[in-house]
N, C-alpha and C. Protein backbone atom coordinates (compact mmCIF):
# COMPACT_ATOMS: atom_id res chain seq x y z
N MET A 1 -11.24 -73.30 155.50
CA MET A 1 -9.71 -74.01 155.72
C MET A 1 -9.25 -74.72 154.00
N LEU A 2 -10.88 -76.20 153.96
CA LEU A 2 -10.51 -76.81 152.86
C LEU A 2 -10.21 -76.31 151.51
N LEU A 3 -10.85 -74.96 151.30
CA LEU A 3 -11.52 -73.94 150.00
C LEU A 3 -10.01 -73.56 149.60
N GLU A 4 -9.06 -72.73 150.83
CA GLU A 4 -7.77 -72.20 150.79
C GLU A 4 -6.43 -72.88 150.63
N SER A 5 -7.09 -73.80 150.98
CA SER A 5 -6.00 -75.19 150.82
C SER A 5 -6.62 -75.29 149.66
N GLN A 6 -6.70 -75.57 148.85
CA GLN A 6 -7.35 -75.86 147.45
C GLN A 6 -6.66 -74.81 146.86
N LEU A 7 -6.94 -73.86 147.41
CA LEU A 7 -6.31 -72.32 146.28
C LEU A 7 -5.20 -72.12 146.56
N ALA A 8 -4.76 -73.17 147.19
CA ALA A 8 -3.12 -72.65 147.44
C ALA A 8 -1.95 -73.17 147.13
N GLN A 9 -2.86 -74.79 146.52
CA GLN A 9 -2.07 -75.57 146.08
C GLN A 9 -1.29 -75.59 144.67
N PRO A 10 -1.70 -75.34 143.90
CA PRO A 10 -1.33 -74.46 142.63
C PRO A 10 0.21 -73.35 142.77
N TRP A 11 0.30 -72.35 143.49
CA TRP A 11 0.92 -71.65 144.02
C TRP A 11 2.13 -72.77 144.55
N ARG A 12 1.67 -73.84 145.14
CA ARG A 12 2.34 -74.62 145.76
C ARG A 12 3.35 -75.30 145.26
N GLU A 13 2.80 -75.95 144.06
CA GLU A 13 3.03 -76.80 142.83
C GLU A 13 4.15 -75.53 142.27
N SER A 14 4.01 -74.74 141.82
CA SER A 14 4.55 -73.26 140.94
C SER A 14 5.47 -73.18 141.50
N ALA A 15 5.82 -73.34 142.97
CA ALA A 15 7.38 -72.83 143.77
C ALA A 15 7.89 -73.89 143.37
N ALA A 16 7.47 -75.11 143.74
CA ALA A 16 7.88 -76.22 143.85
C ALA A 16 8.84 -76.67 142.51
N ARG A 17 7.95 -76.13 141.30
CA ARG A 17 8.46 -76.18 140.47
C ARG A 17 10.08 -75.87 139.72
N LEU A 18 9.59 -74.12 140.10
CA LEU A 18 10.96 -73.42 140.47
C LEU A 18 11.49 -73.39 140.54
N CYS A 19 11.75 -73.78 142.70
CA CYS A 19 12.49 -74.33 143.22
C CYS A 19 13.23 -75.81 142.27
N GLU A 20 12.56 -76.95 141.95
CA GLU A 20 13.30 -77.59 141.63
C GLU A 20 14.24 -77.38 140.30
N PHE A 21 13.54 -75.89 139.54
CA PHE A 21 14.90 -76.36 138.31
C PHE A 21 16.25 -75.97 139.18
N LEU A 22 15.81 -74.67 139.93
CA LEU A 22 16.82 -74.14 140.82
C LEU A 22 17.95 -74.67 141.10
N GLU A 23 17.74 -75.98 141.64
CA GLU A 23 18.40 -76.82 142.11
C GLU A 23 19.09 -77.59 141.69
N LEU A 24 19.08 -77.83 140.09
CA LEU A 24 19.94 -78.28 139.04
C LEU A 24 20.15 -77.53 138.27
N THR A 25 19.96 -76.08 138.19
CA THR A 25 20.75 -75.20 136.79
C THR A 25 21.70 -74.00 138.04
N ALA A 26 23.05 -74.22 137.94
CA ALA A 26 23.61 -73.60 138.30
C ALA A 26 24.35 -72.46 137.48
N ASP A 27 23.80 -72.18 136.49
CA ASP A 27 23.87 -70.74 135.27
C ASP A 27 22.83 -69.98 135.86
N GLU A 28 23.83 -68.81 136.02
CA GLU A 28 23.30 -67.28 137.31
C GLU A 28 22.34 -67.02 135.79
N GLU A 29 22.76 -66.70 134.69
CA GLU A 29 22.53 -66.37 133.52
C GLU A 29 20.85 -66.73 132.94
N ARG A 30 21.09 -68.19 133.05
CA ARG A 30 19.55 -68.72 132.58
C ARG A 30 18.62 -68.55 133.75
N CYS A 31 19.60 -68.77 135.37
CA CYS A 31 18.32 -68.38 136.33
C CYS A 31 17.42 -67.15 136.06
N LEU A 32 18.32 -66.25 136.15
CA LEU A 32 17.74 -64.78 135.94
C LEU A 32 16.56 -64.91 134.54
N ALA A 33 16.96 -65.16 133.54
CA ALA A 33 16.34 -65.58 131.95
C ALA A 33 14.96 -66.25 132.29
N VAL A 34 14.84 -67.27 133.45
CA VAL A 34 13.74 -67.39 133.91
C VAL A 34 13.15 -67.17 134.44
N LEU A 35 13.72 -65.79 135.85
CA LEU A 35 12.79 -65.02 136.20
C LEU A 35 12.04 -64.24 135.69
N LYS A 36 12.60 -63.54 134.51
CA LYS A 36 12.40 -62.46 133.70
C LYS A 36 11.71 -62.96 133.31
N LEU A 37 11.22 -64.07 132.38
CA LEU A 37 10.14 -64.59 131.58
C LEU A 37 8.89 -65.10 132.68
N LEU A 38 9.52 -65.59 133.49
CA LEU A 38 7.94 -66.19 134.97
C LEU A 38 7.25 -64.54 134.78
N CYS A 39 7.82 -63.78 135.10
CA CYS A 39 7.53 -62.22 135.71
C CYS A 39 6.70 -61.69 135.16
N ARG A 40 7.50 -62.58 133.26
CA ARG A 40 6.42 -61.07 131.60
C ARG A 40 5.25 -62.24 132.31
N ARG A 41 5.35 -63.01 132.26
CA ARG A 41 4.07 -63.88 132.14
C ARG A 41 2.96 -64.02 133.18
N PHE A 42 3.39 -63.13 134.54
CA PHE A 42 2.26 -62.94 134.85
C PHE A 42 1.37 -61.15 134.06
N GLY A 43 2.45 -60.68 133.23
CA GLY A 43 1.72 -59.31 133.33
C GLY A 43 2.27 -58.20 133.79
N ASP A 44 1.57 -57.22 133.32
CA ASP A 44 1.54 -55.84 133.93
C ASP A 44 1.41 -55.58 135.17
N HIS A 45 -0.16 -55.97 135.08
CA HIS A 45 -0.68 -55.58 136.32
C HIS A 45 -0.39 -57.38 137.34
N GLY A 46 0.37 -58.53 137.20
CA GLY A 46 -0.11 -59.97 137.82
C GLY A 46 1.84 -59.61 138.46
N TYR A 47 2.18 -58.59 139.17
CA TYR A 47 3.59 -58.65 139.96
C TYR A 47 3.29 -59.22 140.92
N PRO A 48 2.09 -58.93 141.72
CA PRO A 48 1.99 -59.47 142.89
C PRO A 48 1.98 -61.45 143.06
N GLY A 49 1.24 -61.93 141.86
CA GLY A 49 1.83 -62.97 141.59
C GLY A 49 3.19 -63.49 141.97
N PHE A 50 3.64 -62.96 141.12
CA PHE A 50 5.57 -62.71 141.19
C PHE A 50 5.83 -63.01 142.42
N LEU A 51 5.70 -61.90 142.97
CA LEU A 51 5.83 -61.98 144.78
C LEU A 51 5.77 -62.89 145.51
N LYS A 52 4.56 -63.29 145.20
CA LYS A 52 4.31 -64.40 145.76
C LYS A 52 4.79 -65.82 145.96
N LEU A 53 5.15 -66.38 144.46
CA LEU A 53 6.27 -67.90 144.66
C LEU A 53 6.96 -66.82 145.63
N LEU A 54 7.61 -65.70 145.23
CA LEU A 54 9.24 -65.70 145.99
C LEU A 54 8.67 -65.62 147.66
N LEU A 55 7.54 -65.39 148.28
CA LEU A 55 7.76 -65.76 149.58
C LEU A 55 7.10 -67.09 149.57
N ILE A 56 7.06 -67.97 148.72
CA ILE A 56 6.49 -69.25 149.24
C ILE A 56 8.01 -69.83 149.22
N LEU A 57 8.86 -69.74 148.15
CA LEU A 57 9.67 -69.99 148.29
C LEU A 57 10.93 -69.91 149.44
N SER A 58 10.86 -68.73 150.26
CA SER A 58 10.99 -67.68 151.24
C SER A 58 11.13 -69.11 152.03
N ASP A 59 9.66 -69.93 152.03
CA ASP A 59 9.64 -70.74 153.24
C ASP A 59 10.70 -72.04 153.12
N SER A 60 10.75 -72.45 152.11
CA SER A 60 11.09 -73.74 151.40
C SER A 60 12.47 -74.06 152.12
N GLY A 61 12.51 -75.19 152.80
CA GLY A 61 13.32 -75.89 153.36
C GLY A 61 14.77 -75.52 151.94
N SER A 62 14.63 -75.57 151.09
CA SER A 62 15.54 -76.04 149.85
C SER A 62 16.74 -74.54 150.12
N VAL A 63 17.68 -74.92 150.71
CA VAL A 63 19.40 -74.21 151.08
C VAL A 63 19.39 -73.94 149.51
N LEU A 64 19.73 -74.85 148.37
CA LEU A 64 20.68 -74.80 147.47
C LEU A 64 18.98 -73.84 146.74
N GLY A 65 18.00 -74.10 146.58
CA GLY A 65 17.44 -73.21 145.16
C GLY A 65 17.14 -72.01 145.90
N LYS A 66 16.98 -71.56 147.47
CA LYS A 66 17.06 -70.14 147.84
C LYS A 66 18.34 -69.31 147.07
N GLN A 67 19.58 -70.35 147.49
CA GLN A 67 20.73 -69.44 147.18
C GLN A 67 21.06 -68.88 145.59
N ARG A 68 20.46 -69.62 144.68
CA ARG A 68 20.59 -70.22 143.82
C ARG A 68 19.51 -68.68 142.89
N LEU A 69 18.73 -68.70 143.30
CA LEU A 69 17.52 -67.66 142.43
C LEU A 69 18.04 -66.12 143.60
N CYS A 70 18.43 -65.78 144.51
CA CYS A 70 19.05 -64.80 145.02
C CYS A 70 20.83 -64.45 144.10
N GLU A 71 20.84 -65.42 143.90
CA GLU A 71 22.89 -65.04 143.32
C GLU A 71 22.12 -64.62 141.91
N ALA A 72 20.96 -64.99 140.92
CA ALA A 72 20.62 -64.37 140.04
C ALA A 72 19.91 -63.54 140.24
N ILE A 73 19.34 -62.90 141.41
CA ILE A 73 18.74 -61.83 141.97
C ILE A 73 19.82 -60.67 142.12
N ALA A 74 20.69 -61.57 141.84
CA ALA A 74 22.52 -60.68 142.74
C ALA A 74 23.06 -60.19 141.30
N LEU A 75 22.32 -61.21 140.67
CA LEU A 75 23.12 -60.87 138.63
C LEU A 75 22.53 -59.06 138.20
N GLY A 76 21.17 -59.58 138.57
CA GLY A 76 20.02 -58.71 137.62
C GLY A 76 20.68 -57.46 138.60
N LEU A 77 20.75 -57.51 139.70
CA LEU A 77 20.97 -55.97 140.73
C LEU A 77 22.41 -55.17 139.96
N ARG A 78 23.64 -55.88 139.59
CA ARG A 78 24.53 -55.44 138.72
C ARG A 78 24.00 -54.97 137.26
N ARG A 79 23.59 -55.39 136.95
CA ARG A 79 23.15 -55.11 135.58
C ARG A 79 22.05 -54.27 135.96
N GLY A 80 21.45 -53.48 136.62
CA GLY A 80 20.08 -53.06 136.51
C GLY A 80 19.02 -53.52 135.97
N ASP A 81 18.73 -55.02 136.20
CA ASP A 81 17.94 -56.01 135.35
C ASP A 81 17.64 -56.68 136.05
N VAL A 82 16.47 -56.38 137.77
CA VAL A 82 15.68 -57.35 138.94
C VAL A 82 14.48 -57.50 138.09
N PRO A 83 14.15 -59.00 138.11
CA PRO A 83 12.67 -59.29 137.79
C PRO A 83 11.40 -57.79 138.09
N SER A 84 10.71 -57.30 137.33
CA SER A 84 10.56 -56.05 138.19
C SER A 84 9.15 -55.75 138.03
N GLY A 85 8.45 -55.45 138.95
CA GLY A 85 6.39 -55.49 138.33
C GLY A 85 6.61 -53.06 138.08
N VAL A 86 5.00 -53.84 137.48
CA VAL A 86 4.74 -51.99 136.94
C VAL A 86 3.85 -51.27 138.31
N LEU A 87 3.91 -49.98 138.37
CA LEU A 87 2.61 -49.57 139.07
C LEU A 87 2.96 -47.86 138.96
N THR A 88 1.90 -47.55 138.65
CA THR A 88 1.64 -46.13 138.12
C THR A 88 1.78 -45.05 139.10
N SER A 89 2.46 -43.89 138.46
CA SER A 89 3.50 -43.54 139.40
C SER A 89 2.48 -42.01 140.11
N TRP A 90 3.07 -42.33 141.22
CA TRP A 90 2.25 -41.51 142.45
C TRP A 90 1.45 -40.03 141.95
N GLY A 91 2.65 -39.38 141.06
CA GLY A 91 2.02 -37.70 141.03
C GLY A 91 0.36 -37.42 140.05
N ALA A 92 0.94 -39.12 139.26
CA ALA A 92 -0.51 -39.31 138.13
C ALA A 92 -1.66 -39.52 138.86
N THR A 93 -1.69 -40.55 139.86
CA THR A 93 -3.26 -40.85 140.45
C THR A 93 -4.13 -39.99 140.90
N ARG A 94 -3.89 -38.91 141.38
CA ARG A 94 -4.52 -37.63 141.94
C ARG A 94 -5.86 -37.28 140.57
N PHE A 95 -5.99 -37.51 139.94
CA PHE A 95 -5.83 -37.44 138.20
C PHE A 95 -7.75 -38.41 137.96
N TRP A 96 -7.33 -39.84 138.83
CA TRP A 96 -8.69 -40.57 139.03
C TRP A 96 -9.23 -40.84 139.88
N THR A 97 -9.76 -41.36 140.01
CA THR A 97 -10.68 -41.93 141.23
C THR A 97 -11.28 -43.28 140.99
N ALA A 98 -11.37 -44.91 142.46
CA ALA A 98 -12.30 -46.21 141.88
C ALA A 98 -13.71 -45.49 141.48
N GLN A 99 -13.84 -44.16 141.36
CA GLN A 99 -15.78 -44.31 141.42
C GLN A 99 -15.31 -43.13 139.69
N GLN A 100 -14.02 -42.86 139.42
CA GLN A 100 -14.20 -42.31 138.15
C GLN A 100 -13.11 -42.84 137.32
N PRO A 101 -13.20 -44.05 137.02
CA PRO A 101 -12.33 -44.69 136.31
C PRO A 101 -11.38 -43.28 135.46
N LEU A 102 -10.04 -43.90 134.99
CA LEU A 102 -9.17 -43.97 133.51
C LEU A 102 -10.01 -43.63 132.88
N HIS A 103 -9.73 -42.49 131.85
CA HIS A 103 -10.20 -42.80 130.39
C HIS A 103 -9.05 -41.65 129.87
N SER A 104 -9.56 -42.21 128.32
CA SER A 104 -8.59 -41.11 127.07
C SER A 104 -8.81 -39.38 127.34
N GLY A 105 -7.26 -38.51 128.01
CA GLY A 105 -7.75 -36.87 127.86
C GLY A 105 -7.71 -36.60 129.20
N MET A 106 -7.69 -37.48 130.37
CA MET A 106 -7.78 -37.33 131.77
C MET A 106 -6.52 -36.39 132.29
N LEU A 107 -5.20 -36.91 131.59
CA LEU A 107 -3.96 -36.32 131.94
C LEU A 107 -3.28 -35.76 131.24
N PRO A 108 -3.46 -34.00 131.73
CA PRO A 108 -2.45 -33.37 130.68
C PRO A 108 -1.52 -33.65 130.66
N GLY A 109 -1.52 -32.90 129.10
CA GLY A 109 -0.33 -33.81 128.28
C GLY A 109 0.06 -35.15 128.20
N ASN A 110 -1.36 -36.04 127.79
CA ASN A 110 -1.10 -37.21 127.91
C ASN A 110 -2.35 -37.26 127.17
N SER A 111 -1.89 -37.23 125.54
CA SER A 111 -3.40 -37.56 124.54
C SER A 111 -3.78 -39.18 124.82
N MET A 112 -2.88 -39.81 124.81
CA MET A 112 -3.03 -41.20 124.94
C MET A 112 -3.68 -41.69 126.46
N GLY A 113 -4.03 -40.94 127.36
CA GLY A 113 -4.96 -41.09 128.60
C GLY A 113 -3.87 -42.11 129.46
N VAL A 114 -2.35 -42.87 129.61
CA VAL A 114 -2.11 -43.26 130.02
C VAL A 114 -1.55 -42.71 130.61
N ALA A 115 -1.66 -43.81 131.96
CA ALA A 115 -0.71 -42.57 133.85
C ALA A 115 0.96 -43.17 133.44
N PRO A 116 1.52 -42.45 133.94
CA PRO A 116 2.92 -42.65 133.72
C PRO A 116 2.97 -43.93 135.01
N ARG A 117 3.78 -44.87 134.28
CA ARG A 117 4.39 -45.68 135.32
C ARG A 117 5.79 -46.14 135.94
N ARG A 118 5.71 -46.59 136.63
CA ARG A 118 6.84 -47.11 137.59
C ARG A 118 7.85 -48.87 137.17
N GLN A 119 8.96 -48.90 137.11
CA GLN A 119 9.47 -50.30 136.94
C GLN A 119 10.19 -50.17 138.39
N LEU A 120 9.47 -51.25 138.93
CA LEU A 120 9.77 -51.10 140.57
C LEU A 120 10.53 -53.03 140.42
N ASP A 121 11.51 -52.89 141.49
CA ASP A 121 12.31 -54.17 141.80
C ASP A 121 11.52 -54.57 143.20
N PRO A 122 11.56 -55.90 143.51
CA PRO A 122 10.42 -56.40 144.52
C PRO A 122 10.32 -55.34 146.14
N LEU A 123 11.25 -55.16 146.23
CA LEU A 123 11.51 -54.20 147.86
C LEU A 123 10.11 -52.62 147.81
N ALA A 124 10.80 -51.93 146.22
CA ALA A 124 10.58 -50.53 146.01
C ALA A 124 9.00 -50.56 146.10
N TYR A 125 8.76 -52.28 145.34
CA TYR A 125 7.15 -52.24 144.86
C TYR A 125 6.24 -52.54 145.90
N LEU A 126 7.01 -53.27 146.77
CA LEU A 126 5.94 -53.00 148.31
C LEU A 126 5.84 -52.17 148.80
N THR A 127 7.05 -51.32 148.92
CA THR A 127 6.95 -50.40 149.49
C THR A 127 6.16 -48.86 148.50
N VAL A 128 6.28 -49.36 147.57
CA VAL A 128 5.41 -47.82 147.11
C VAL A 128 3.72 -48.30 147.51
N TRP A 129 3.57 -49.27 146.90
CA TRP A 129 2.08 -49.80 147.28
C TRP A 129 2.06 -49.67 148.45
N PHE A 130 2.84 -49.61 149.14
CA PHE A 130 2.52 -49.65 150.90
C PHE A 130 2.40 -48.20 151.24
N CYS A 131 2.67 -47.56 150.62
CA CYS A 131 3.00 -45.60 150.72
C CYS A 131 1.95 -45.20 149.87
N GLN A 132 2.32 -45.61 148.75
CA GLN A 132 1.78 -44.60 147.70
C GLN A 132 0.04 -44.97 147.29
N ARG A 133 -0.49 -43.82 146.68
CA ARG A 133 -1.57 -44.17 146.22
C ARG A 133 -1.16 -44.12 144.59
N THR A 134 -1.65 -45.60 144.00
CA THR A 134 -1.66 -46.48 142.66
C THR A 134 -2.77 -46.50 142.47
N HIS A 135 -2.76 -47.24 141.31
CA HIS A 135 -4.05 -48.13 141.02
C HIS A 135 -4.16 -49.75 142.00
N ARG A 136 -3.65 -49.95 142.62
CA ARG A 136 -4.69 -51.02 143.74
C ARG A 136 -4.57 -50.04 144.65
N PRO A 137 -5.15 -50.94 145.97
CA PRO A 137 -5.26 -50.81 147.31
C PRO A 137 -4.29 -50.77 148.04
N TYR A 138 -4.39 -49.53 148.87
CA TYR A 138 -3.34 -49.77 150.06
C TYR A 138 -2.53 -51.19 150.12
N LEU A 139 -1.49 -51.73 150.29
CA LEU A 139 -1.34 -52.61 151.22
C LEU A 139 -1.24 -52.10 153.01
N SER A 140 -1.99 -53.57 153.97
CA SER A 140 -1.72 -53.24 154.93
C SER A 140 -0.43 -53.10 155.57
N GLU A 141 0.04 -52.59 156.72
CA GLU A 141 0.72 -52.43 157.59
C GLU A 141 1.36 -53.79 157.78
N SER A 142 0.69 -54.29 158.20
CA SER A 142 0.85 -56.17 159.15
C SER A 142 0.96 -56.86 157.58
N ALA A 143 0.62 -56.84 156.25
CA ALA A 143 1.38 -57.45 155.47
C ALA A 143 2.58 -56.62 154.93
N TYR A 144 2.61 -55.74 154.70
CA TYR A 144 4.17 -55.39 154.83
C TYR A 144 5.32 -55.42 155.30
N ARG A 145 4.76 -55.35 156.52
CA ARG A 145 6.26 -56.13 157.48
C ARG A 145 6.46 -57.61 157.25
N THR A 146 5.14 -58.01 156.88
CA THR A 146 5.87 -59.96 156.87
C THR A 146 6.13 -60.18 155.92
N CYS A 147 6.07 -59.11 154.94
CA CYS A 147 6.64 -59.24 153.21
C CYS A 147 8.03 -58.61 153.07
N VAL A 148 8.27 -57.58 153.69
CA VAL A 148 9.63 -57.34 153.66
C VAL A 148 10.38 -58.16 154.50
N ALA A 149 9.85 -58.88 156.02
CA ALA A 149 11.04 -59.32 156.41
C ALA A 149 11.16 -60.90 155.55
N ARG A 150 10.00 -61.65 155.29
CA ARG A 150 10.49 -62.43 154.29
C ARG A 150 10.76 -62.64 152.81
N LEU A 151 11.28 -61.29 152.57
CA LEU A 151 11.89 -60.89 151.00
C LEU A 151 13.66 -60.62 151.37
N VAL A 152 13.48 -60.17 152.55
CA VAL A 152 14.96 -59.87 152.82
C VAL A 152 15.41 -61.38 153.46
N ASP A 153 15.00 -61.99 154.61
CA ASP A 153 15.60 -63.34 155.00
C ASP A 153 15.72 -64.15 153.46
N LEU A 154 14.97 -64.37 152.35
CA LEU A 154 14.91 -64.49 150.82
C LEU A 154 16.22 -64.00 150.38
N PHE A 155 16.25 -62.99 150.39
CA PHE A 155 17.59 -62.06 149.59
C PHE A 155 18.87 -62.17 150.34
N ASN A 156 19.16 -62.85 152.08
CA ASN A 156 20.36 -62.87 153.03
C ASN A 156 20.91 -64.22 152.79
N SER A 157 19.96 -64.93 151.52
CA SER A 157 20.80 -66.57 150.94
C SER A 157 21.89 -66.17 150.69
N SER A 158 21.80 -65.07 150.04
CA SER A 158 23.26 -65.02 149.08
C SER A 158 24.03 -63.45 149.41
N ARG A 159 25.28 -63.95 149.77
CA ARG A 159 26.08 -62.64 149.85
C ARG A 159 25.92 -62.04 149.33
N ALA A 160 26.08 -61.97 147.59
CA ALA A 160 26.39 -60.78 146.93
C ALA A 160 24.88 -59.68 146.54
N ALA A 161 23.54 -60.73 146.55
CA ALA A 161 22.24 -60.27 147.02
C ALA A 161 21.82 -59.11 148.65
N ARG A 162 22.69 -59.68 148.87
CA ARG A 162 22.51 -59.08 150.75
C ARG A 162 23.63 -57.51 150.51
N GLN A 163 24.19 -57.61 150.16
CA GLN A 163 25.63 -56.68 149.49
C GLN A 163 25.04 -55.47 148.58
N LEU A 164 24.21 -56.14 147.63
CA LEU A 164 24.02 -55.33 146.58
C LEU A 164 22.71 -54.42 146.73
N TYR A 165 21.65 -55.51 147.67
CA TYR A 165 20.10 -54.84 147.27
C TYR A 165 20.22 -53.77 148.24
N PRO A 166 20.71 -53.61 149.56
CA PRO A 166 21.16 -51.64 149.85
C PRO A 166 21.07 -51.00 149.07
N LEU A 167 23.05 -51.26 148.91
CA LEU A 167 23.65 -50.07 147.21
C LEU A 167 22.45 -49.79 146.32
N LYS A 168 21.53 -50.66 145.85
CA LYS A 168 20.61 -50.73 144.89
C LYS A 168 19.90 -49.41 145.45
N ILE A 169 19.07 -49.78 146.40
CA ILE A 169 18.20 -49.28 147.12
C ILE A 169 18.56 -47.32 147.34
N GLU A 170 19.46 -47.68 147.64
CA GLU A 170 20.34 -46.30 148.14
C GLU A 170 20.30 -45.19 146.89
N ALA A 171 21.21 -46.15 145.61
CA ALA A 171 21.02 -45.21 144.01
C ALA A 171 19.72 -44.88 144.11
N ASP A 172 18.66 -45.38 144.03
CA ASP A 172 17.46 -45.04 143.61
C ASP A 172 16.77 -44.06 143.94
N LEU A 173 17.59 -43.82 145.48
CA LEU A 173 16.42 -42.89 146.33
C LEU A 173 17.35 -41.43 145.73
N SER A 174 18.80 -41.49 145.56
CA SER A 174 19.72 -40.48 145.24
C SER A 174 19.37 -40.15 143.57
N GLY A 175 18.83 -41.11 142.90
CA GLY A 175 19.25 -40.88 141.04
C GLY A 175 17.46 -40.78 141.13
N ILE A 176 16.71 -41.13 141.08
CA ILE A 176 15.18 -41.29 140.62
C ILE A 176 14.46 -40.67 141.18
N GLU A 177 14.50 -38.73 140.83
CA GLU A 177 13.29 -37.64 141.20
C GLU A 177 11.79 -38.07 140.48
N GLY A 178 11.18 -37.52 141.64
CA GLY A 178 9.73 -37.75 141.44
C GLY A 178 9.09 -39.00 141.54
N ALA A 179 10.02 -40.08 141.30
CA ALA A 179 9.04 -41.64 141.51
C ALA A 179 8.78 -41.48 142.67
N PHE A 180 9.37 -41.19 144.45
CA PHE A 180 8.55 -42.14 145.26
C PHE A 180 8.41 -40.59 146.29
N THR A 181 7.54 -40.66 146.97
CA THR A 181 7.19 -39.72 147.89
C THR A 181 8.21 -40.03 149.46
N ARG A 182 7.84 -38.39 149.86
CA ARG A 182 8.95 -38.58 151.67
C ARG A 182 8.46 -39.54 152.13
N GLN A 183 7.08 -40.44 151.97
CA GLN A 183 7.26 -41.68 153.26
C GLN A 183 7.86 -42.68 153.09
N THR A 184 7.30 -42.88 151.32
CA THR A 184 8.00 -43.47 150.37
C THR A 184 9.86 -43.74 150.64
N ARG A 185 10.05 -42.53 150.63
CA ARG A 185 11.94 -42.21 150.67
C ARG A 185 12.10 -42.55 152.14
N GLN A 186 11.16 -42.35 153.10
CA GLN A 186 12.04 -42.59 154.03
C GLN A 186 12.44 -44.00 154.40
N ARG A 187 10.91 -44.94 153.87
CA ARG A 187 10.90 -46.14 154.85
C ARG A 187 12.38 -47.03 153.59
N LEU A 188 12.01 -46.73 152.42
CA LEU A 188 13.57 -47.19 151.74
C LEU A 188 14.49 -47.27 152.64
N GLY A 189 14.60 -45.74 153.22
CA GLY A 189 15.80 -45.54 152.96
C GLY A 189 16.27 -46.30 154.51
N ALA A 190 15.05 -45.78 155.20
CA ALA A 190 15.49 -46.52 156.84
C ALA A 190 15.92 -48.35 156.50
N LEU A 191 14.90 -48.84 156.10
CA LEU A 191 15.14 -50.88 154.95
C LEU A 191 16.57 -50.36 154.80
N ALA A 192 17.58 -50.02 153.56
CA ALA A 192 18.22 -50.05 153.07
C ALA A 192 19.75 -49.53 154.19
N ASP A 193 19.54 -48.62 155.42
CA ASP A 193 20.18 -48.65 156.13
C ASP A 193 20.48 -49.39 157.30
N SER A 194 19.52 -50.08 157.73
CA SER A 194 19.22 -51.29 158.37
C SER A 194 19.64 -52.32 158.10
N TRP A 195 19.78 -52.72 156.90
CA TRP A 195 19.92 -54.25 156.35
C TRP A 195 21.32 -53.98 156.15
N LYS A 196 21.78 -52.72 155.75
CA LYS A 196 23.19 -52.90 155.88
C LYS A 196 24.25 -52.82 156.97
N ARG A 197 24.17 -52.46 158.01
CA ARG A 197 24.04 -52.37 159.12
C ARG A 197 24.50 -53.98 160.02
N GLY A 198 23.02 -54.62 159.41
CA GLY A 198 23.64 -56.00 159.68
C GLY A 198 22.59 -56.47 160.53
N LEU A 199 21.39 -55.71 160.83
CA LEU A 199 20.61 -56.11 161.80
C LEU A 199 19.35 -57.27 161.57
N SER A 200 18.84 -57.79 162.53
CA SER A 200 18.08 -59.04 162.61
C SER A 200 16.95 -58.22 161.56
N ILE A 201 16.43 -59.65 160.85
CA ILE A 201 15.51 -59.59 160.09
C ILE A 201 14.14 -58.34 160.45
N SER A 202 14.16 -59.08 162.02
CA SER A 202 13.02 -58.46 162.29
C SER A 202 12.81 -56.90 163.05
N GLU A 203 13.86 -56.74 162.57
CA GLU A 203 14.65 -54.98 163.16
C GLU A 203 14.90 -54.76 161.86
N VAL A 204 15.18 -54.83 160.29
CA VAL A 204 14.74 -54.19 159.39
C VAL A 204 13.70 -54.49 159.07
N ALA A 205 12.62 -55.48 159.56
CA ALA A 205 11.29 -55.21 158.85
C ALA A 205 10.97 -53.90 159.81
N ALA A 206 10.96 -53.73 160.70
CA ALA A 206 9.88 -52.44 162.04
C ALA A 206 11.18 -51.30 161.33
N ALA A 207 12.36 -51.15 161.18
CA ALA A 207 12.96 -50.46 160.80
C ALA A 207 12.22 -49.52 158.92
N ALA A 208 11.54 -50.06 158.74
CA ALA A 208 11.20 -49.81 157.10
C ALA A 208 9.46 -49.41 157.86
N SER A 209 9.31 -50.60 158.35
CA SER A 209 7.63 -50.22 158.32
C SER A 209 7.28 -48.74 159.97
N GLU A 210 7.98 -49.17 160.52
CA GLU A 210 7.61 -48.01 161.37
C GLU A 210 8.85 -46.20 161.36
N ALA A 211 9.18 -46.78 159.77
CA ALA A 211 10.24 -45.50 159.76
C ALA A 211 9.28 -43.85 160.54
N ILE A 212 8.06 -43.76 159.97
CA ILE A 212 7.26 -42.52 160.18
C ILE A 212 5.99 -43.20 160.37
N ALA A 213 4.95 -42.45 161.37
CA ALA A 213 3.76 -42.69 161.34
C ALA A 213 3.03 -42.87 160.09
N TYR A 214 2.69 -44.16 159.92
CA TYR A 214 1.55 -43.98 158.32
C TYR A 214 0.25 -43.49 158.35
N SER A 215 0.58 -42.87 157.43
CA SER A 215 -0.98 -42.14 157.44
C SER A 215 -0.89 -42.16 155.72
N GLY A 216 -2.10 -42.02 154.54
CA GLY A 216 -1.96 -42.19 153.46
C GLY A 216 -2.41 -41.36 152.90
N GLU A 217 -1.89 -41.37 151.26
CA GLU A 217 -2.39 -40.03 150.47
C GLU A 217 -3.55 -39.65 151.03
N PRO A 218 -3.72 -38.20 151.09
CA PRO A 218 -5.57 -37.39 150.73
C PRO A 218 -5.91 -38.20 149.63
């Protein structure tokens, strides 16, 4: 327990600094710029670290800090510029396994041997991570449900984010071909629909995690 507390301390300190900045900054543009900079600093494979900061902030007692963070997210939603993370495209992952690392020439039509990748917003990233084969091990159902509940609760701190985020999910589902498997589409659709209808946080998370019986891709 002591070791876990010591490991968590730097994360709590980083989240506290971010929250302090948000409390002192009313400019949505500046807040969004800082969130995007912070996201980039985690690197292409470090987006779960950015999500961890959001999850820590979701438990913060700072109503103002959470509201300003989510107002910045709402600005990003309006612009199509939400801080996003990268996951490999599900259609490409059949070309390699953990025992057979990706190397140049393994992907047809891709001379550089780089798997197609998708930029995903926080809730889409979590859902793809849970449902689809990517370069990460599958996210567990309990972790998925908990993270969805805490992030939806966080985003509800801003009325604009609460209204815009479900619409963004629906627009992605209707406009992006080949990015999501059937399972992912069903879960995201259930999440957006229940959120729009004003269901409780636990009901929104349950709708997403229970949309269909979970079975990983072969």
